[in-house]
Amino acid sequence: MRRSVGSVLRRGFSSSSVSTDNKMVASVLFERLPVVIPKIDPIVYAFQEFSFRWRQQYRRKYPDEFLDTSSSRGKGEYQMEYVPAPRITEADKTNDTKSLQRALDKRIYLLVYGDSYGAPNGKPAWHFPEKVYESEETLRKCAESALKSIIGDLTHTYFVGNAPMGHMAIQQTESLPDSYKRFFFKSQVIATNKFDIGKCEDHVWVTKDELLEYFPEQAEFLGKMIIS
């Protein structure tokens, strides 16, 4: 696996003692919400099945003619056949991580590969869409610019709140000459199943568990910040 953004020596959800003169970076946790209902846990399913059978013992029995709706159906009415969509898609079968049509019962997140602020020795790395804060009115505006530079248009996105969902302070190291602060903003996919991803060498849509494998040194922090 290609390397991810470098070590985090100090991390947290609140402000730290790092100087206010340091750079700030707005990163976007861009997620697609579950499309189908997650599978029920076997224990929960067993309890629901038991509860249903128990209630059936004491249910009120109605006359058969009362429950027979076929004879009371109006002229011209018809019954629609319901066929549920498959839970496992072609993207799941081929492990197509560039497709939004995968892991439909889970949240998936966008990661891009390319130049990233704070990457070890300036090499390309996997990271969230990001932008160094410059002269934007707010950090939220900076985050919007970061995502827009990757997907080209924010029409099918929704930013959750104006405040960041998390924050980490990264200290100076041998491979990182300057310390800086990184703020995470959450945004969600709205009413689409495809984006034209640009301005990066590669990209993937991954589940939370897969995402943590890209950032082993930050897995503890990201695991607490990302709720799925």
C-alpha atoms as a PDB file:
ATOM      1  CA  MET A   1       0.000   0.000   0.000  1.00  0.00           C
ATOM      2  CA  ARG A   2       1.244   3.502  -0.760  1.00  0.00           C
ATOM      3  CA  ARG A   3       2.241   5.516   2.265  1.00  0.00           C
ATOM      4  CA  SER A   4      -0.127   7.899   3.972  1.00  0.00           C
ATOM      5  CA  VAL A   5       0.438  11.332   5.469  1.00  0.00           C
ATOM      6  CA  GLY A   6       3.193  11.353   8.094  1.00  0.00           C
ATOM      7  CA  SER A   7       3.338  10.908  11.825  1.00  0.00           C
ATOM      8  CA  VAL A   8       1.106  12.721  14.249  1.00  0.00           C
ATOM      9  CA  LEU A   9       2.880  13.513  17.498  1.00  0.00           C
ATOM     10  CA  ARG A  10       0.127  15.477  19.134  1.00  0.00           C
ATOM     11  CA  ARG A  11      -3.537  14.840  18.382  1.00  0.00           C
ATOM     12  CA  GLY A  12      -6.920  15.787  19.787  1.00  0.00           C
ATOM     13  CA  PHE A  13     -10.292  17.421  19.246  1.00  0.00           C
ATOM     14  CA  SER A  14      -9.477  20.730  20.939  1.00  0.00           C
ATOM     15  CA  SER A  15      -6.872  23.434  20.552  1.00  0.00           C
ATOM     16  CA  SER A  16      -3.282  22.795  21.611  1.00  0.00           C
ATOM     17  CA  SER A  17      -0.293  24.890  22.611  1.00  0.00           C
ATOM     18  CA  VAL A  18       1.016  25.127  19.052  1.00  0.00           C
ATOM     19  CA  SER A  19       1.746  28.715  17.966  1.00  0.00           C
ATOM     20  CA  THR A  20      -1.024  30.560  16.170  1.00  0.00           C
ATOM     21  CA  ASP A  21       1.515  31.533  13.490  1.00  0.00           C
ATOM     22  CA  ASN A  22       1.535  27.955  12.162  1.00  0.00           C
ATOM     23  CA  LYS A  23      -0.262  27.032   8.981  1.00  0.00           C
ATOM     24  CA  MET A  24      -3.778  25.589   9.077  1.00  0.00           C
ATOM     25  CA  VAL A  25      -5.050  22.921   6.694  1.00  0.00           C
ATOM     26  CA  ALA A  26      -8.735  22.158   6.055  1.00  0.00           C
ATOM     27  CA  SER A  27      -9.407  18.498   5.214  1.00  0.00           C
ATOM     28  CA  VAL A  28     -12.750  17.091   4.092  1.00  0.00           C
ATOM     29  CA  LEU A  29     -14.139  13.752   5.223  1.00  0.00           C
ATOM     30  CA  PHE A  30     -16.379  13.182   2.194  1.00  0.00           C
ATOM     31  CA  GLU A  31     -18.757  10.295   2.838  1.00  0.00           C
ATOM     32  CA  ARG A  32     -21.497   8.407   1.068  1.00  0.00           C
ATOM     33  CA  LEU A  33     -24.160   7.239   3.506  1.00  0.00           C
ATOM     34  CA  PRO A  34     -25.489   3.644   3.428  1.00  0.00           C
ATOM     35  CA  VAL A  35     -27.842   2.996   0.503  1.00  0.00           C
ATOM     36  CA  VAL A  36     -29.451  -0.175   1.863  1.00  0.00           C
ATOM     37  CA  ILE A  37     -30.353  -1.223   5.383  1.00  0.00           C
ATOM     38  CA  PRO A  38     -27.441  -3.074   7.042  1.00  0.00           C
ATOM     39  CA  LYS A  39     -27.927  -6.772   7.684  1.00  0.00           C
ATOM     40  CA  ILE A  40     -29.559  -7.552  11.017  1.00  0.00           C
ATOM     41  CA  ASP A  41     -27.353  -9.137  13.648  1.00  0.00           C
ATOM     42  CA  PRO A  42     -28.242 -12.881  13.978  1.00  0.00           C
ATOM     43  CA  ILE A  43     -29.086 -12.448  17.675  1.00  0.00           C
ATOM     44  CA  VAL A  44     -31.419  -9.534  16.936  1.00  0.00           C
ATOM     45  CA  TYR A  45     -33.024 -11.475  14.080  1.00  0.00           C
ATOM     46  CA  ALA A  46     -33.607 -14.491  16.328  1.00  0.00           C
ATOM     47  CA  PHE A  47     -35.280 -12.296  18.957  1.00  0.00           C
ATOM     48  CA  GLN A  48     -37.520 -10.619  16.372  1.00  0.00           C
ATOM     49  CA  GLU A  49     -38.524 -14.018  14.991  1.00  0.00           C
ATOM     50  CA  PHE A  50     -39.324 -15.255  18.495  1.00  0.00           C
ATOM     51  CA  SER A  51     -41.359 -12.115  19.276  1.00  0.00           C
ATOM     52  CA  PHE A  52     -43.353 -12.470  16.068  1.00  0.00           C
ATOM     53  CA  ARG A  53     -44.210 -16.106  16.715  1.00  0.00           C
ATOM     54  CA  TRP A  54     -45.158 -15.322  20.310  1.00  0.00           C
ATOM     55  CA  ARG A  55     -47.545 -12.542  19.253  1.00  0.00           C
ATOM     56  CA  GLN A  56     -49.100 -14.806  16.611  1.00  0.00           C
ATOM     57  CA  GLN A  57     -50.397 -17.078  19.382  1.00  0.00           C
ATOM     58  CA  TYR A  58     -52.606 -14.304  20.759  1.00  0.00           C
ATOM     59  CA  ARG A  59     -53.555 -12.437  17.621  1.00  0.00           C
ATOM     60  CA  ARG A  60     -57.230 -11.893  16.823  1.00  0.00           C
ATOM     61  CA  LYS A  61     -58.493 -14.143  14.054  1.00  0.00           C
ATOM     62  CA  TYR A  62     -60.616 -12.426  11.414  1.00  0.00           C
ATOM     63  CA  PRO A  63     -63.059 -14.154   9.026  1.00  0.00           C
ATOM     64  CA  ASP A  64     -61.447 -15.329   5.789  1.00  0.00           C
ATOM     65  CA  GLU A  65     -63.862 -13.238   3.685  1.00  0.00           C
ATOM     66  CA  PHE A  66     -62.725 -10.136   5.576  1.00  0.00           C
ATOM     67  CA  LEU A  67     -59.066 -10.754   4.721  1.00  0.00           C
ATOM     68  CA  ASP A  68     -59.690 -11.779   1.093  1.00  0.00           C
ATOM     69  CA  THR A  69     -58.849  -8.581  -0.784  1.00  0.00           C
ATOM     70  CA  SER A  70     -58.791 -10.168  -4.254  1.00  0.00           C
ATOM     71  CA  SER A  71     -62.603 -10.078  -4.543  1.00  0.00           C
ATOM     72  CA  SER A  72     -62.839  -6.487  -3.344  1.00  0.00           C
ATOM     73  CA  ARG A  73     -60.189  -5.130  -5.702  1.00  0.00           C
ATOM     74  CA  GLY A  74     -61.579  -2.496  -8.030  1.00  0.00           C
ATOM     75  CA  LYS A  75     -61.721  -2.853 -11.789  1.00  0.00           C
ATOM     76  CA  GLY A  76     -58.502  -1.839 -13.474  1.00  0.00           C
ATOM     77  CA  GLU A  77     -56.394  -2.190 -10.337  1.00  0.00           C
ATOM     78  CA  TYR A  78     -53.291  -4.324 -10.450  1.00  0.00           C
ATOM     79  CA  GLN A  79     -50.690  -5.607  -8.043  1.00  0.00           C
ATOM     80  CA  MET A  80     -47.090  -4.519  -8.493  1.00  0.00           C
ATOM     81  CA  GLU A  81     -44.298  -7.025  -8.105  1.00  0.00           C
ATOM     82  CA  TYR A  82     -41.551  -5.874  -5.746  1.00  0.00           C
ATOM     83  CA  VAL A  83     -38.053  -7.128  -6.517  1.00  0.00           C
ATOM     84  CA  PRO A  84     -35.389  -5.857  -4.105  1.00  0.00           C
ATOM     85  CA  ALA A  85     -32.124  -4.639  -5.561  1.00  0.00           C
ATOM     86  CA  PRO A  86     -29.110  -6.901  -4.932  1.00  0.00           C
ATOM     87  CA  ARG A  87     -27.035  -6.097  -1.861  1.00  0.00           C
ATOM     88  CA  ILE A  88     -23.849  -7.276  -3.569  1.00  0.00           C
ATOM     89  CA  THR A  89     -23.031  -5.185  -6.647  1.00  0.00           C
ATOM     90  CA  GLU A  90     -20.651  -5.740  -9.528  1.00  0.00           C
ATOM     91  CA  ALA A  91     -18.272  -3.274  -7.871  1.00  0.00           C
ATOM     92  CA  ASP A  92     -18.240  -5.502  -4.767  1.00  0.00           C
ATOM     93  CA  LYS A  93     -17.510  -8.609  -6.825  1.00  0.00           C
ATOM     94  CA  THR A  94     -14.599  -6.970  -8.669  1.00  0.00           C
ATOM     95  CA  ASN A  95     -13.428  -4.940  -5.638  1.00  0.00           C
ATOM     96  CA  ASP A  96     -13.742  -1.735  -7.655  1.00  0.00           C
ATOM     97  CA  THR A  97     -12.732   0.833  -5.029  1.00  0.00           C
ATOM     98  CA  LYS A  98     -13.181   3.696  -7.497  1.00  0.00           C
ATOM     99  CA  SER A  99     -16.940   3.099  -7.629  1.00  0.00           C
ATOM    100  CA  LEU A 100     -19.584   4.557  -5.331  1.00  0.00           C
ATOM    101  CA  GLN A 101     -21.680   1.453  -6.019  1.00  0.00           C
ATOM    102  CA  ARG A 102     -19.877  -0.695  -3.446  1.00  0.00           C
ATOM    103  CA  ALA A 103     -20.425  -1.563   0.225  1.00  0.00           C
ATOM    104  CA  LEU A 104     -24.001  -0.300  -0.065  1.00  0.00           C
ATOM    105  CA  ASP A 105     -24.801  -1.136   3.561  1.00  0.00           C
ATOM    106  CA  LYS A 106     -21.911   0.951   4.934  1.00  0.00           C
ATOM    107  CA  ARG A 107     -20.553   4.476   4.842  1.00  0.00           C
ATOM    108  CA  ILE A 108     -17.671   4.917   2.433  1.00  0.00           C
ATOM    109  CA  TYR A 109     -15.155   7.753   2.298  1.00  0.00           C
ATOM    110  CA  LEU A 110     -13.123   9.433  -0.439  1.00  0.00           C
ATOM    111  CA  LEU A 111      -9.322   9.279  -0.310  1.00  0.00           C
ATOM    112  CA  VAL A 112      -7.071  10.774  -2.970  1.00  0.00           C
ATOM    113  CA  TYR A 113      -3.436  10.101  -3.817  1.00  0.00           C
ATOM    114  CA  GLY A 114      -1.061  12.913  -4.689  1.00  0.00           C
ATOM    115  CA  ASP A 115       0.729  15.892  -3.209  1.00  0.00           C
ATOM    116  CA  SER A 116      -0.325  16.519   0.374  1.00  0.00           C
ATOM    117  CA  TYR A 117       0.737  19.200   2.824  1.00  0.00           C
ATOM    118  CA  GLY A 118       2.891  17.631   5.515  1.00  0.00           C
ATOM    119  CA  ALA A 119       3.634  14.411   3.621  1.00  0.00           C
ATOM    120  CA  PRO A 120       7.023  12.877   4.582  1.00  0.00           C
ATOM    121  CA  ASN A 121       9.819  14.303   2.430  1.00  0.00           C
ATOM    122  CA  GLY A 122       7.265  15.900   0.134  1.00  0.00           C
ATOM    123  CA  LYS A 123       6.373  12.588  -1.535  1.00  0.00           C
ATOM    124  CA  PRO A 124       2.856  11.823  -2.846  1.00  0.00           C
ATOM    125  CA  ALA A 125       0.606  10.231  -0.213  1.00  0.00           C
ATOM    126  CA  TRP A 126      -2.933   9.108   0.421  1.00  0.00           C
ATOM    127  CA  HIS A 127      -4.956  11.844   2.075  1.00  0.00           C
ATOM    128  CA  PHE A 128      -8.383  13.458   2.349  1.00  0.00           C
ATOM    129  CA  PRO A 129      -9.248  16.347   0.005  1.00  0.00           C
ATOM    130  CA  GLU A 130      -7.425  19.294   1.557  1.00  0.00           C
ATOM    131  CA  LYS A 131      -6.346  22.899   1.169  1.00  0.00           C
ATOM    132  CA  VAL A 132      -4.008  25.162   3.117  1.00  0.00           C
ATOM    133  CA  TYR A 133      -5.921  28.071   4.625  1.00  0.00           C
ATOM    134  CA  GLU A 134      -5.063  31.340   2.872  1.00  0.00           C
ATOM    135  CA  SER A 135      -7.485  34.236   2.715  1.00  0.00           C
ATOM    136  CA  GLU A 136     -10.861  32.484   2.829  1.00  0.00           C
ATOM    137  CA  GLU A 137     -13.593  34.021   4.967  1.00  0.00           C
ATOM    138  CA  THR A 138     -13.779  30.912   7.163  1.00  0.00           C
ATOM    139  CA  LEU A 139     -12.161  27.494   7.468  1.00  0.00           C
ATOM    140  CA  ARG A 140     -15.449  26.028   6.225  1.00  0.00           C
ATOM    141  CA  LYS A 141     -15.048  28.014   2.979  1.00  0.00           C
ATOM    142  CA  CYS A 142     -11.504  26.685   2.731  1.00  0.00           C
ATOM    143  CA  ALA A 143     -12.816  23.120   3.103  1.00  0.00           C
ATOM    144  CA  GLU A 144     -15.413  23.743   0.391  1.00  0.00           C
ATOM    145  CA  SER A 145     -12.652  24.940  -1.948  1.00  0.00           C
ATOM    146  CA  ALA A 146     -10.638  21.806  -1.157  1.00  0.00           C
ATOM    147  CA  LEU A 147     -13.488  19.481  -2.115  1.00  0.00           C
ATOM    148  CA  LYS A 148     -14.481  21.533  -5.150  1.00  0.00           C
ATOM    149  CA  SER A 149     -10.934  21.289  -6.525  1.00  0.00           C
ATOM    150  CA  ILE A 150     -11.261  17.486  -6.492  1.00  0.00           C
ATOM    151  CA  ILE A 151     -14.827  16.855  -7.698  1.00  0.00           C
ATOM    152  CA  GLY A 152     -15.315  20.065  -9.700  1.00  0.00           C
ATOM    153  CA  ASP A 153     -18.774  20.976  -8.404  1.00  0.00           C
ATOM    154  CA  LEU A 154     -20.475  21.043  -5.008  1.00  0.00           C
ATOM    155  CA  THR A 155     -24.019  20.567  -6.328  1.00  0.00           C
ATOM    156  CA  HIS A 156     -24.270  17.003  -5.007  1.00  0.00           C
ATOM    157  CA  THR A 157     -22.648  17.640  -1.643  1.00  0.00           C
ATOM    158  CA  TYR A 158     -23.811  18.684   1.804  1.00  0.00           C
ATOM    159  CA  PHE A 159     -21.454  20.067   4.454  1.00  0.00           C
ATOM    160  CA  VAL A 160     -22.528  19.036   7.938  1.00  0.00           C
ATOM    161  CA  GLY A 161     -22.244  22.164  10.090  1.00  0.00           C
ATOM    162  CA  ASN A 162     -19.812  25.060  10.054  1.00  0.00           C
ATOM    163  CA  ALA A 163     -17.456  23.776  12.758  1.00  0.00           C
ATOM    164  CA  PRO A 164     -14.804  21.103  12.189  1.00  0.00           C
ATOM    165  CA  MET A 165     -15.538  17.599  13.446  1.00  0.00           C
ATOM    166  CA  GLY A 166     -11.990  17.067  14.635  1.00  0.00           C
ATOM    167  CA  HIS A 167      -8.561  18.603  14.848  1.00  0.00           C
ATOM    168  CA  MET A 168      -4.959  17.459  15.082  1.00  0.00           C
ATOM    169  CA  ALA A 169      -1.783  19.425  15.791  1.00  0.00           C
ATOM    170  CA  ILE A 170       1.262  18.095  13.965  1.00  0.00           C
ATOM    171  CA  GLN A 171       4.692  18.991  15.286  1.00  0.00           C
ATOM    172  CA  GLN A 172       7.913  19.595  13.457  1.00  0.00           C
ATOM    173  CA  THR A 173      10.048  16.542  12.627  1.00  0.00           C
ATOM    174  CA  GLU A 174      13.158  15.786  10.576  1.00  0.00           C
ATOM    175  CA  SER A 175      11.022  15.110   7.500  1.00  0.00           C
ATOM    176  CA  LEU A 176       8.580  17.958   8.295  1.00  0.00           C
ATOM    177  CA  PRO A 177      10.268  21.363   8.709  1.00  0.00           C
ATOM    178  CA  ASP A 178       7.132  23.188   9.904  1.00  0.00           C
ATOM    179  CA  SER A 179       4.421  22.304  12.401  1.00  0.00           C
ATOM    180  CA  TYR A 180       0.800  22.926  11.448  1.00  0.00           C
ATOM    181  CA  LYS A 181      -2.816  22.265  12.417  1.00  0.00           C
ATOM    182  CA  ARG A 182      -5.243  20.128  10.442  1.00  0.00           C
ATOM    183  CA  PHE A 183      -9.020  20.623  10.774  1.00  0.00           C
ATOM    184  CA  PHE A 184     -11.505  18.024   9.511  1.00  0.00           C
ATOM    185  CA  PHE A 185     -14.896  18.959   8.046  1.00  0.00           C
ATOM    186  CA  LYS A 186     -17.618  16.447   7.183  1.00  0.00           C
ATOM    187  CA  SER A 187     -19.416  16.509   3.856  1.00  0.00           C
ATOM    188  CA  GLN A 188     -21.868  13.998   2.393  1.00  0.00           C
ATOM    189  CA  VAL A 189     -22.781  12.747  -1.078  1.00  0.00           C
ATOM    190  CA  ILE A 190     -26.276  13.847  -2.132  1.00  0.00           C
ATOM    191  CA  ALA A 191     -28.369  12.344  -4.967  1.00  0.00           C
ATOM    192  CA  THR A 192     -25.651  10.963  -7.209  1.00  0.00           C
ATOM    193  CA  ASN A 193     -23.616   7.794  -7.649  1.00  0.00           C
ATOM    194  CA  LYS A 194     -20.714   9.127  -9.678  1.00  0.00           C
ATOM    195  CA  PHE A 195     -18.179  11.967  -9.515  1.00  0.00           C
ATOM    196  CA  ASP A 196     -15.502  13.034 -11.980  1.00  0.00           C
ATOM    197  CA  ILE A 197     -12.530  12.955  -9.623  1.00  0.00           C
ATOM    198  CA  GLY A 198      -9.610  15.102 -10.743  1.00  0.00           C
ATOM    199  CA  LYS A 199      -6.502  16.908  -9.552  1.00  0.00           C
ATOM    200  CA  CYS A 200      -4.988  13.730  -8.104  1.00  0.00           C
ATOM    201  CA  GLU A 201      -3.046  10.696  -9.280  1.00  0.00           C
ATOM    202  CA  ASP A 202      -5.508   8.173  -7.900  1.00  0.00           C
ATOM    203  CA  HIS A 203      -8.557   7.891  -5.680  1.00  0.00           C
ATOM    204  CA  VAL A 204     -10.556   5.284  -3.756  1.00  0.00           C
ATOM    205  CA  TRP A 205     -13.880   5.005  -1.939  1.00  0.00           C
ATOM    206  CA  VAL A 206     -13.283   2.962   1.211  1.00  0.00           C
ATOM    207  CA  THR A 207     -15.134   1.836   4.329  1.00  0.00           C
ATOM    208  CA  LYS A 208     -14.014   2.956   7.772  1.00  0.00           C
ATOM    209  CA  ASP A 209     -12.064  -0.255   8.399  1.00  0.00           C
ATOM    210  CA  GLU A 210     -10.336   0.041   5.029  1.00  0.00           C
ATOM    211  CA  LEU A 211      -9.616   3.723   5.625  1.00  0.00           C
ATOM    212  CA  LEU A 212      -7.780   3.021   8.878  1.00  0.00           C
ATOM    213  CA  GLU A 213      -5.395   0.716   6.999  1.00  0.00           C
ATOM    214  CA  TYR A 214      -4.250   3.698   4.925  1.00  0.00           C
ATOM    215  CA  PHE A 215      -3.384   5.677   8.069  1.00  0.00           C
ATOM    216  CA  PRO A 216      -1.913   3.217  10.602  1.00  0.00           C
ATOM    217  CA  GLU A 217      -0.213   5.940  12.651  1.00  0.00           C
ATOM    218  CA  GLN A 218      -3.419   7.977  12.911  1.00  0.00           C
ATOM    219  CA  ALA A 219      -5.800   5.013  13.176  1.00  0.00           C
ATOM    220  CA  GLU A 220      -6.615   5.601  16.848  1.00  0.00           C
ATOM    221  CA  PHE A 221      -7.509   9.260  16.310  1.00  0.00           C
ATOM    222  CA  LEU A 222      -9.487   8.644  13.098  1.00  0.00           C
ATOM    223  CA  GLY A 223     -11.259   5.656  14.635  1.00  0.00           C
ATOM    224  CA  LYS A 224     -12.625   7.883  17.402  1.00  0.00           C
ATOM    225  CA  MET A 225     -13.459  10.796  15.120  1.00  0.00           C
ATOM    226  CA  ILE A 226     -15.288   8.779  12.449  1.00  0.00           C
ATOM    227  CA  ILE A 227     -18.572   7.352  13.719  1.00  0.00           C
ATOM    228  CA  SER A 228     -20.048   4.580  11.581  1.00  0.00           C
END
